Amino acid sequence: MAIELTVDSMTCEGCEDIVEGALEDVDGVDSAEADRHEDTATVEGDADADDLVEAVEMAGYEGQVSS
């Protein structure tokens, strides 16, 4: 199952790498891809959405589950 997040403040490829790494460390995540141009991150797996948002915020970015 894919979960899409809105992630604010990513400005470079390094930001994408940080967000992807933070998301991939969450239990239940199979893969994560961040896109700074779209301000999104897409996660594949069965991770809890709240845990994903928390991981993004712990990495220093603002995140929320896209509706």
N, C-alpha and C. Protein backbone atom coordinates (compact mmCIF):
# COMPACT_ATOMS: atom_id res chain seq x y z
N MET A 1 0.84 -1.18 0.00
CA MET A 1 0.00 0.00 0.00
C MET A 1 0.88 1.25 0.00
N ALA A 2 0.54 2.21 -0.82
CA ALA A 2 1.31 3.45 -0.90
C ALA A 2 0.68 4.53 -0.03
N ILE A 3 1.51 5.24 0.67
CA ILE A 3 1.08 6.40 1.47
C ILE A 3 1.84 7.59 0.94
N GLU A 4 1.11 8.68 0.64
CA GLU A 4 1.76 9.90 0.16
C GLU A 4 1.72 10.95 1.26
N LEU A 5 2.87 11.56 1.46
CA LEU A 5 3.01 12.63 2.45
C LEU A 5 3.34 13.93 1.73
N THR A 6 2.89 15.02 2.29
CA THR A 6 3.35 16.34 1.88
C THR A 6 4.50 16.70 2.81
N VAL A 7 5.63 17.06 2.23
CA VAL A 7 6.82 17.40 3.03
C VAL A 7 7.30 18.78 2.62
N ASP A 8 7.27 19.71 3.57
CA ASP A 8 7.69 21.08 3.31
C ASP A 8 9.18 21.26 3.62
N SER A 9 9.80 22.19 2.94
CA SER A 9 11.16 22.67 3.22
C SER A 9 12.28 21.86 2.58
N MET A 10 11.97 20.88 1.72
CA MET A 10 13.05 20.20 1.00
C MET A 10 13.52 21.12 -0.12
N THR A 11 14.83 21.41 -0.15
CA THR A 11 15.34 22.35 -1.13
C THR A 11 16.40 21.76 -2.05
N CYS A 12 16.88 20.56 -1.75
CA CYS A 12 17.96 19.99 -2.56
C CYS A 12 17.89 18.47 -2.54
N GLU A 13 18.77 17.85 -3.32
CA GLU A 13 18.83 16.39 -3.37
C GLU A 13 19.20 15.81 -2.01
N GLY A 14 20.03 16.51 -1.28
CA GLY A 14 20.40 16.06 0.06
C GLY A 14 19.20 16.00 0.98
N CYS A 15 18.30 16.96 0.85
CA CYS A 15 17.07 16.96 1.65
C CYS A 15 16.23 15.72 1.32
N GLU A 16 16.14 15.41 0.04
CA GLU A 16 15.39 14.22 -0.37
C GLU A 16 16.01 12.97 0.26
N ASP A 17 17.34 12.88 0.24
CA ASP A 17 18.03 11.73 0.82
C ASP A 17 17.76 11.61 2.31
N ILE A 18 17.75 12.72 3.01
CA ILE A 18 17.49 12.72 4.46
C ILE A 18 16.08 12.22 4.73
N VAL A 19 15.10 12.75 4.00
CA VAL A 19 13.71 12.35 4.20
C VAL A 19 13.53 10.87 3.85
N GLU A 20 14.09 10.44 2.74
CA GLU A 20 13.97 9.03 2.35
C GLU A 20 14.59 8.12 3.41
N GLY A 21 15.75 8.49 3.91
CA GLY A 21 16.41 7.68 4.93
C GLY A 21 15.60 7.61 6.21
N ALA A 22 15.03 8.73 6.62
CA ALA A 22 14.21 8.76 7.84
C ALA A 22 12.99 7.87 7.67
N LEU A 23 12.36 7.96 6.51
CA LEU A 23 11.17 7.15 6.27
C LEU A 23 11.50 5.66 6.18
N GLU A 24 12.61 5.33 5.55
CA GLU A 24 13.00 3.92 5.40
C GLU A 24 13.35 3.27 6.72
N ASP A 25 13.65 4.07 7.74
CA ASP A 25 13.95 3.53 9.07
C ASP A 25 12.69 3.18 9.86
N VAL A 26 11.52 3.57 9.38
CA VAL A 26 10.26 3.29 10.08
C VAL A 26 9.85 1.84 9.81
N ASP A 27 9.42 1.16 10.86
CA ASP A 27 8.95 -0.23 10.73
C ASP A 27 7.80 -0.29 9.73
N GLY A 28 7.87 -1.26 8.84
CA GLY A 28 6.81 -1.48 7.86
C GLY A 28 7.03 -0.80 6.53
N VAL A 29 8.10 -0.02 6.41
CA VAL A 29 8.37 0.67 5.14
C VAL A 29 9.22 -0.24 4.26
N ASP A 30 8.72 -0.49 3.05
CA ASP A 30 9.48 -1.27 2.06
C ASP A 30 10.38 -0.36 1.24
N SER A 31 9.89 0.83 0.89
CA SER A 31 10.68 1.80 0.13
C SER A 31 10.07 3.18 0.32
N ALA A 32 10.90 4.20 0.08
CA ALA A 32 10.44 5.59 0.19
C ALA A 32 11.11 6.41 -0.90
N GLU A 33 10.35 7.33 -1.47
CA GLU A 33 10.90 8.22 -2.49
C GLU A 33 10.39 9.64 -2.22
N ALA A 34 11.32 10.58 -2.11
CA ALA A 34 10.97 11.97 -1.87
C ALA A 34 11.20 12.79 -3.14
N ASP A 35 10.36 13.81 -3.33
CA ASP A 35 10.45 14.68 -4.50
C ASP A 35 10.34 16.13 -4.03
N ARG A 36 11.47 16.82 -4.03
CA ARG A 36 11.48 18.21 -3.54
C ARG A 36 10.70 19.15 -4.44
N HIS A 37 10.61 18.84 -5.72
CA HIS A 37 9.90 19.71 -6.65
C HIS A 37 8.39 19.65 -6.43
N GLU A 38 7.91 18.50 -5.99
CA GLU A 38 6.47 18.33 -5.72
C GLU A 38 6.14 18.45 -4.24
N ASP A 39 7.16 18.59 -3.39
CA ASP A 39 6.97 18.62 -1.92
C ASP A 39 6.24 17.39 -1.43
N THR A 40 6.63 16.22 -1.94
CA THR A 40 5.98 14.98 -1.55
C THR A 40 6.99 13.90 -1.23
N ALA A 41 6.51 12.90 -0.51
CA ALA A 41 7.24 11.66 -0.31
C ALA A 41 6.22 10.54 -0.43
N THR A 42 6.60 9.50 -1.14
CA THR A 42 5.72 8.34 -1.32
C THR A 42 6.38 7.14 -0.66
N VAL A 43 5.61 6.47 0.17
CA VAL A 43 6.11 5.33 0.93
C VAL A 43 5.33 4.08 0.53
N GLU A 44 6.05 3.01 0.25
CA GLU A 44 5.43 1.71 -0.01
C GLU A 44 5.62 0.85 1.24
N GLY A 45 4.55 0.16 1.62
CA GLY A 45 4.62 -0.71 2.78
C GLY A 45 3.38 -0.56 3.63
N ASP A 46 3.45 -1.08 4.84
CA ASP A 46 2.29 -1.03 5.72
C ASP A 46 2.60 -0.29 7.03
N ALA A 47 3.44 0.72 6.93
CA ALA A 47 3.81 1.52 8.10
C ALA A 47 2.64 2.37 8.57
N ASP A 48 2.67 2.71 9.84
CA ASP A 48 1.66 3.60 10.42
C ASP A 48 1.91 5.03 9.96
N ALA A 49 0.88 5.69 9.47
CA ALA A 49 1.01 7.05 8.92
C ALA A 49 1.54 8.03 9.96
N ASP A 50 1.11 7.90 11.21
CA ASP A 50 1.60 8.81 12.26
C ASP A 50 3.10 8.63 12.49
N ASP A 51 3.57 7.39 12.39
CA ASP A 51 5.00 7.14 12.55
C ASP A 51 5.80 7.77 11.41
N LEU A 52 5.23 7.77 10.21
CA LEU A 52 5.90 8.38 9.06
C LEU A 52 6.02 9.89 9.25
N VAL A 53 4.93 10.52 9.68
CA VAL A 53 4.95 11.96 9.92
C VAL A 53 5.97 12.29 11.00
N GLU A 54 6.00 11.50 12.05
CA GLU A 54 6.95 11.73 13.14
C GLU A 54 8.39 11.61 12.64
N ALA A 55 8.66 10.64 11.78
CA ALA A 55 10.01 10.46 11.24
C ALA A 55 10.43 11.67 10.41
N VAL A 56 9.52 12.18 9.60
CA VAL A 56 9.81 13.37 8.78
C VAL A 56 10.12 14.56 9.69
N GLU A 57 9.32 14.73 10.74
CA GLU A 57 9.52 15.85 11.65
C GLU A 57 10.81 15.71 12.45
N MET A 58 11.14 14.48 12.84
CA MET A 58 12.40 14.26 13.57
C MET A 58 13.60 14.56 12.67
N ALA A 59 13.42 14.42 11.35
CA ALA A 59 14.49 14.72 10.41
C ALA A 59 14.62 16.21 10.14
N GLY A 60 13.68 16.99 10.68
CA GLY A 60 13.79 18.45 10.55
C GLY A 60 12.88 19.08 9.50
N TYR A 61 11.90 18.34 9.05
CA TYR A 61 10.98 18.83 8.01
C TYR A 61 9.55 18.76 8.52
N GLU A 62 8.67 19.52 7.89
CA GLU A 62 7.26 19.47 8.24
C GLU A 62 6.57 18.49 7.31
N GLY A 63 5.82 17.57 7.87
CA GLY A 63 5.15 16.59 7.05
C GLY A 63 3.72 16.34 7.50
N GLN A 64 2.92 15.92 6.56
CA GLN A 64 1.55 15.50 6.86
C GLN A 64 1.10 14.52 5.79
N VAL A 65 0.17 13.67 6.16
CA VAL A 65 -0.36 12.70 5.21
C VAL A 65 -1.22 13.46 4.21
N SER A 66 -0.99 13.23 2.94
CA SER A 66 -1.81 13.87 1.89
C SER A 66 -3.17 13.21 1.89
N SER A 67 -4.20 14.03 1.64
CA SER A 67 -5.54 13.45 1.62
C SER A 67 -5.95 13.07 0.22
